[in-house]
Protein backbone atom coordinates (compact mmCIF):
# COMPACT_ATOMS: atom_id res chain seq x y z
CA UNK A 1 -0.11 -0.16 -0.01
CA UNK A 2 1.23 3.32 -1.33
CA UNK A 3 2.15 6.31 2.07
CA UNK A 4 0.77 9.65 1.79
CA UNK A 5 3.48 12.37 1.82
CA UNK A 6 2.50 13.16 5.14
CA UNK A 7 3.79 9.46 6.41
CA UNK A 8 6.57 9.69 3.93
CA UNK A 9 7.60 12.97 6.10
CA UNK A 10 7.11 11.26 9.75
CA UNK A 11 9.42 8.52 8.25
CA UNK A 12 12.23 10.74 7.49
CA UNK A 13 11.73 12.75 10.77
CA UNK A 14 11.94 9.19 12.73
CA UNK A 15 15.46 8.64 10.73
CA UNK A 16 17.07 11.73 10.97
CA UNK A 17 16.09 11.82 15.11
CA UNK A 18 18.31 8.76 15.07
CA UNK A 19 21.21 10.05 14.16
CA UNK A 20 20.45 13.97 15.81
CA UNK A 21 19.03 12.62 19.27
CA UNK A 22 16.78 14.74 21.62
CA UNK A 23 16.67 17.27 19.06
CA UNK A 24 13.20 16.40 17.19
CA UNK A 25 12.54 20.42 16.66
CA UNK A 26 15.42 20.93 14.81
CA UNK A 27 14.60 18.11 12.23
CA UNK A 28 11.20 19.05 11.76
CA UNK A 29 12.89 22.52 11.15
CA UNK A 30 15.35 21.20 8.96
CA UNK A 31 12.66 19.29 6.53
CA UNK A 32 10.64 22.23 6.55
CA UNK A 33 13.37 24.57 5.07
CA UNK A 34 13.93 21.59 2.26
CA UNK A 35 10.02 21.68 1.83
CA UNK A 36 9.86 25.53 1.64
CA UNK A 37 13.07 25.65 -0.88
CA UNK A 38 15.07 27.30 1.51
CA UNK A 39 18.34 27.35 2.54
CA UNK A 40 19.48 26.70 6.43
CA UNK A 41 22.17 28.20 9.00
CA UNK A 42 23.21 26.36 11.36
CA UNK A 43 24.87 28.50 14.21
CA UNK A 44 26.13 26.28 17.27
CA UNK A 45 29.50 25.50 19.27
CA UNK A 46 31.59 22.60 17.67
CA UNK A 47 30.61 18.92 18.24
CA UNK A 48 27.31 19.02 18.63
CA UNK A 49 26.48 17.67 15.31
CA UNK A 50 25.70 20.23 12.50
CA UNK A 51 27.84 18.09 9.84
CA UNK A 52 26.46 14.90 11.09
CA UNK A 53 23.24 16.54 9.94
CA UNK A 54 23.79 17.79 7.51
CA UNK A 55 25.07 14.71 6.03
CA UNK A 56 22.60 12.17 6.91
CA UNK A 57 19.84 14.62 5.75
CA UNK A 58 21.68 14.03 2.20
CA UNK A 59 21.79 10.40 2.44
CA UNK A 60 17.95 10.15 3.82
CA UNK A 61 16.53 12.19 1.08
CA UNK A 62 18.64 10.48 -1.82
CA UNK A 63 20.27 14.04 -3.16
CA UNK A 64 24.40 14.49 -3.74
CA UNK A 65 25.85 15.94 -0.96
CA UNK A 66 29.37 18.35 -1.21
CA UNK A 67 31.23 19.43 1.45
CA UNK A 68 33.05 22.93 1.21
CA UNK A 69 35.48 23.60 4.19
CA UNK A 70 35.73 27.54 4.22
CA UNK A 71 39.11 28.89 4.77
CA UNK A 72 40.94 32.26 4.62
CA UNK A 73 42.47 30.77 1.47
CA UNK A 74 39.16 29.88 0.05
CA UNK A 75 38.66 31.27 -3.51
CA UNK A 76 35.24 31.50 -5.36
CA UNK A 77 36.43 29.26 -8.08
CA UNK A 78 37.13 26.72 -5.27
CA UNK A 79 33.01 26.84 -5.47
CA UNK A 80 31.85 27.36 -8.34
CA UNK A 81 34.06 25.93 -10.81
CA UNK A 82 36.46 27.35 -13.38
CA UNK A 83 37.22 27.19 -16.86
CA UNK A 84 40.42 25.03 -17.65
CA UNK A 85 41.88 24.19 -21.22
CA UNK A 86 41.54 20.53 -21.93
CA UNK A 87 45.51 19.47 -23.43
CA UNK A 88 43.63 16.84 -25.60
CA UNK A 89 40.93 18.92 -27.32
CA UNK A 90 42.60 21.73 -27.31
CA UNK A 91 40.18 23.72 -26.19
CA UNK A 92 38.33 25.15 -22.69
CA UNK A 93 36.07 23.48 -20.64
CA UNK A 94 34.33 23.97 -17.36
CA UNK A 95 34.68 22.16 -14.43
CA UNK A 96 31.98 21.91 -12.13
CA UNK A 97 32.74 23.08 -8.54
CA UNK A 98 31.14 21.25 -5.50
CA UNK A 99 28.21 24.02 -5.84
CA UNK A 100 26.67 21.41 -8.21
CA UNK A 101 25.73 19.14 -6.11
CA UNK A 102 22.53 19.34 -4.51
CA UNK A 103 23.14 19.38 -0.74
CA UNK A 104 26.10 21.77 0.06
CA UNK A 105 27.46 22.13 3.57
CA UNK A 106 29.43 25.30 3.94
CA UNK A 107 31.02 24.31 6.68
CA UNK A 108 32.56 27.06 9.08
CA UNK A 109 31.23 30.00 6.41
CA UNK A 110 32.15 32.69 8.38
CA UNK A 111 36.07 32.00 7.96
CA UNK A 112 36.32 33.02 4.72
CA UNK A 113 36.63 36.49 3.22
CA UNK A 114 33.63 38.04 2.08
CA UNK A 115 34.45 37.99 -1.45
CA UNK A 116 34.09 34.62 -1.24
CA UNK A 117 31.48 34.35 0.65
CA UNK A 118 29.59 35.98 -2.30
CA UNK A 119 29.89 33.93 -4.65
CA UNK A 120 26.99 31.85 -3.34
CA UNK A 121 24.69 34.75 -2.97
CA UNK A 122 23.69 33.89 -7.02
CA UNK A 123 23.34 30.41 -6.40
CA UNK A 124 21.25 30.79 -3.20
CA UNK A 125 18.88 33.38 -4.50
CA UNK A 126 18.82 32.32 -8.34
CA UNK A 127 19.89 28.68 -8.47
CA UNK A 128 22.30 29.17 -10.92
CA UNK A 129 26.17 30.44 -11.43
CA UNK A 130 27.69 32.50 -13.98
CA UNK A 131 31.09 31.85 -14.93
CA UNK A 132 32.50 34.01 -17.57
CA UNK A 133 29.90 34.50 -20.41
CA UNK A 134 27.65 31.22 -19.21
CA UNK A 135 25.13 30.66 -16.92
CA UNK A 136 24.80 27.31 -15.81
CA UNK A 137 21.46 25.98 -13.99
CA UNK A 138 21.92 24.08 -10.36
CA UNK A 139 20.01 21.04 -10.00
CA UNK A 140 16.03 21.36 -8.37
CA UNK A 141 17.17 20.42 -4.88
CA UNK A 142 20.05 22.52 -4.53
CA UNK A 143 19.97 23.81 -0.96
CA UNK A 144 22.99 25.35 1.08
CA UNK A 145 23.23 24.20 4.71
CA UNK A 146 26.14 26.52 6.07
CA UNK A 147 27.40 26.48 9.81
CA UNK A 148 29.31 28.90 11.97
CA UNK A 149 30.35 29.31 15.31
CA UNK A 150 28.75 32.02 17.31
CA UNK A 151 31.33 31.99 20.22
CA UNK A 152 34.61 32.07 18.07
CA UNK A 153 35.65 35.73 16.21
CA UNK A 154 39.02 35.41 15.96
CA UNK A 155 39.95 34.98 12.05
CA UNK A 156 36.50 35.20 10.98
CA UNK A 157 34.51 37.50 8.95
CA UNK A 158 30.91 38.24 9.77
CA UNK A 159 28.04 37.29 6.74
CA UNK A 160 26.79 40.28 5.07
CA UNK A 161 23.31 41.10 5.58
CA UNK A 162 22.42 39.78 1.71
CA UNK A 163 24.10 36.68 2.14
CA UNK A 164 21.83 36.52 5.56
CA UNK A 165 18.63 37.11 4.26
CA UNK A 166 19.08 34.22 1.67
CA UNK A 167 19.01 31.78 4.68
CA UNK A 168 15.23 31.19 5.61
CA UNK A 169 15.93 29.79 8.83
CA UNK A 170 18.99 30.14 11.64
CA UNK A 171 18.96 26.84 13.87
CA UNK A 172 20.96 25.94 16.92
CA UNK A 173 20.91 22.43 18.05
CA UNK A 174 22.08 22.89 21.87
CA UNK A 175 23.15 20.41 23.72
CA UNK A 176 21.61 16.92 24.15
CA UNK A 177 20.09 15.91 28.04
CA UNK A 178 22.11 13.68 30.22
CA UNK A 179 20.49 10.86 29.16
CA UNK A 180 20.66 11.21 25.56
CA UNK A 181 24.36 12.02 25.59
CA UNK A 182 25.38 8.69 27.37
CA UNK A 183 23.64 7.01 24.28
CA UNK A 184 25.59 9.28 22.12
CA UNK A 185 28.68 8.31 24.49
CA UNK A 186 27.52 4.80 24.01
CA UNK A 187 27.58 5.02 20.36
CA UNK A 188 24.04 3.99 20.37
CA UNK A 189 22.73 6.27 18.01
CA UNK A 190 22.42 5.32 14.15
CA UNK A 191 25.77 5.47 11.82
CA UNK A 192 26.31 7.05 7.98
CA UNK A 193 26.87 3.38 7.26
CA UNK A 194 23.50 2.61 8.17
CA UNK A 195 21.92 5.57 6.50
CA UNK A 196 20.09 4.47 2.84
CA UNK A 197 17.77 6.81 0.55
CA UNK A 198 14.27 7.07 1.53
CA UNK A 199 12.83 8.64 -1.57
CA UNK A 200 13.60 9.02 -4.94
CA UNK A 201 13.18 11.51 -7.19
CA UNK A 202 9.47 11.20 -7.84
CA UNK A 203 8.71 11.09 -4.90
CA UNK A 204 10.67 13.86 -3.40
CA UNK A 205 8.66 15.73 -6.04
CA UNK A 206 5.43 14.35 -4.32
CA UNK A 207 6.22 15.69 -1.21
CA UNK A 208 6.91 19.44 -1.70
CA UNK A 209 4.25 19.14 -3.92
CA UNK A 210 1.87 17.97 -1.25
CA UNK A 211 3.32 20.59 1.34
CA UNK A 212 2.76 23.09 -1.19
CA UNK A 213 -0.90 22.69 -1.78
CA UNK A 214 -1.29 23.53 1.74
CA UNK A 215 -4.22 26.46 2.13
CA UNK A 216 -2.81 29.89 3.44
CA UNK A 217 -5.70 32.06 3.83
CA UNK A 218 -5.65 36.29 3.71
CA UNK A 219 -5.53 35.97 7.22
CA UNK A 220 -3.03 34.32 7.80
CA UNK A 221 -1.13 36.11 5.19
CA UNK A 222 -2.01 39.50 7.03
CA UNK A 223 -0.61 38.02 10.13
CA UNK A 224 2.72 37.10 8.66
CA UNK A 225 2.88 40.54 7.07
CA UNK A 226 1.92 42.22 10.40
CA UNK A 227 4.69 40.31 12.19
CA UNK A 228 7.43 41.36 9.35
CA UNK A 229 6.41 45.14 9.16
CA UNK A 230 6.62 45.40 13.08
CA UNK A 231 10.30 44.29 13.08
CA UNK A 232 10.51 48.08 10.96
CA UNK A 233 8.93 50.05 13.42
CA UNK A 234 10.87 48.87 16.45
CA UNK A 235 13.52 50.89 18.06
CA UNK A 236 14.87 48.00 19.02
CA UNK A 237 16.14 47.06 15.52
CA UNK A 238 18.53 49.00 13.56
CA UNK A 239 17.61 47.23 10.64
CA UNK A 240 14.13 45.20 10.41
CA UNK A 241 13.34 41.94 8.31
CA UNK A 242 12.86 42.58 4.50
CA UNK A 243 9.61 41.21 2.63
CA UNK A 244 11.40 38.02 1.41
CA UNK A 245 11.50 37.16 5.05
CA UNK A 246 7.52 37.86 5.27
CA UNK A 247 7.51 34.84 1.89
CA UNK A 248 10.05 32.70 3.84
CA UNK A 249 7.80 33.46 7.10
CA UNK A 250 4.76 31.68 4.81
CA UNK A 251 6.58 29.31 3.21
CA UNK A 252 7.60 27.51 6.18
CA UNK A 253 4.62 27.75 8.58
CA UNK A 254 2.88 26.11 5.48
CA UNK A 255 5.66 23.31 5.78
CA UNK A 256 5.24 23.20 9.34
CA UNK A 257 1.17 22.77 9.07
CA UNK A 258 1.91 20.33 6.10
CA UNK A 259 4.47 18.40 8.85
CA UNK A 260 1.77 18.50 11.65
CA UNK A 261 -0.38 16.56 9.93
CA UNK A 262 -3.08 19.76 8.61
CA UNK A 263 -3.74 20.72 5.22
CA UNK A 264 -4.08 24.58 6.46
CA UNK A 265 -2.06 27.09 7.86
CA UNK A 266 -3.33 28.56 11.78
CA UNK A 267 -0.97 31.26 13.40
CA UNK A 268 0.73 28.56 15.54
CA UNK A 269 2.63 27.93 12.69
CA UNK A 270 3.43 31.00 12.01
CA UNK A 271 4.75 31.57 15.61
CA UNK A 272 7.13 28.02 16.04
CA UNK A 273 9.16 29.59 12.99
CA UNK A 274 9.00 33.25 13.45
CA UNK A 275 12.11 33.49 15.96
CA UNK A 276 14.11 31.02 13.14
CA UNK A 277 13.34 33.03 10.62
CA UNK A 278 13.53 36.62 11.32
CA UNK A 279 16.32 36.43 14.05
CA UNK A 280 19.13 36.44 11.79
CA UNK A 281 18.20 39.02 9.95
CA UNK A 282 17.65 42.05 12.16
CA UNK A 283 20.39 44.28 13.66
CA UNK A 284 19.54 45.27 16.96
CA UNK A 285 19.57 48.64 17.71
CA UNK A 286 23.06 49.72 20.59
CA UNK A 287 20.16 50.42 23.21
CA UNK A 288 19.26 46.89 22.80
CA UNK A 289 22.48 45.40 22.72
CA UNK A 290 23.62 47.60 25.69
CA UNK A 291 20.46 45.75 27.45
CA UNK A 292 21.88 42.12 26.46
CA UNK A 293 18.97 41.78 24.36
CA UNK A 294 18.90 38.51 22.08
CA UNK A 295 17.02 39.10 18.66
CA UNK A 296 15.08 35.88 19.47
CA UNK A 297 13.55 37.75 22.61
CA UNK A 298 12.46 40.44 20.64
CA UNK A 299 10.65 38.49 18.32
CA UNK A 300 9.08 36.85 20.97
CA UNK A 301 7.71 40.15 21.95
CA UNK A 302 6.64 41.47 18.81
CA UNK A 303 4.66 37.90 18.34
CA UNK A 304 3.20 38.64 21.86
CA UNK A 305 1.84 42.38 20.47
CA UNK A 306 1.16 41.43 17.37
CA UNK A 307 -3.04 40.56 16.22
CA UNK A 308 -3.86 37.00 16.10
CA UNK A 309 -6.44 36.63 13.58
CA UNK A 310 -9.79 35.31 15.86
CA UNK A 311 -10.72 32.78 13.68
CA UNK A 312 -7.96 30.61 15.23
CA UNK A 313 -8.84 31.14 18.72
């Protein structure tokens, strides 16, 4: 008997949760980001499973995986590829870089210069790469999963706002519970060798189409825009969220509704992802920083003050 798209999603999450123990909210957000066609920034300390999660996701989804270790000497051509001379044919050919994989792990992305970081801007926004006079299309399921350490600043370069805005969500994994860390230490979680693809190309397309078919009515759209607009009229922020943030908030909220087993979006779906979608796009004012406020807490304050559509109460 053929399983439904939502049953398929449940199996994906079950397998991901066997790899990244004790973090079901992280794996659910990651899958929601893929369903929404977005890119993910994972910001956390070393050793909590950022790379493992990216690799496991690519394997389980049946997608090709490429890893780029961002270092100070990394060049844009190391990411996108370059034109080289073929000595046998005596002409120039384009050798594709790792960006042409379906899932890209941009490991420690903030360790490369802004020039190198910017080589991903076109790829993340347009799913294309332009080399010389030629534009190449990237795979349909192209997704960047970037990591960075929020604690260490030596030898790093802040991500430009234009690039941060292209990440649909920023996630943090955090430490596991004591009991789950005992399982991790005892190697009781699923290893990479035990993973295999759960989906083929047809099933991936069906999964995304099913999520995109979820109903989003006008009241939900207004609620999303009201939340994002509030960041632009708040003295705690020097820079509010862009219209792209409104689009991403609706997309991820729709994906969360699908993963929750509903065929319609409710305000709680947007609330669940609002901080993940918005916090990395906001620049705090000096007063907010002096008050030791975080973008996440300020977004929560906005949610508490934003009118919720009555039909969902």
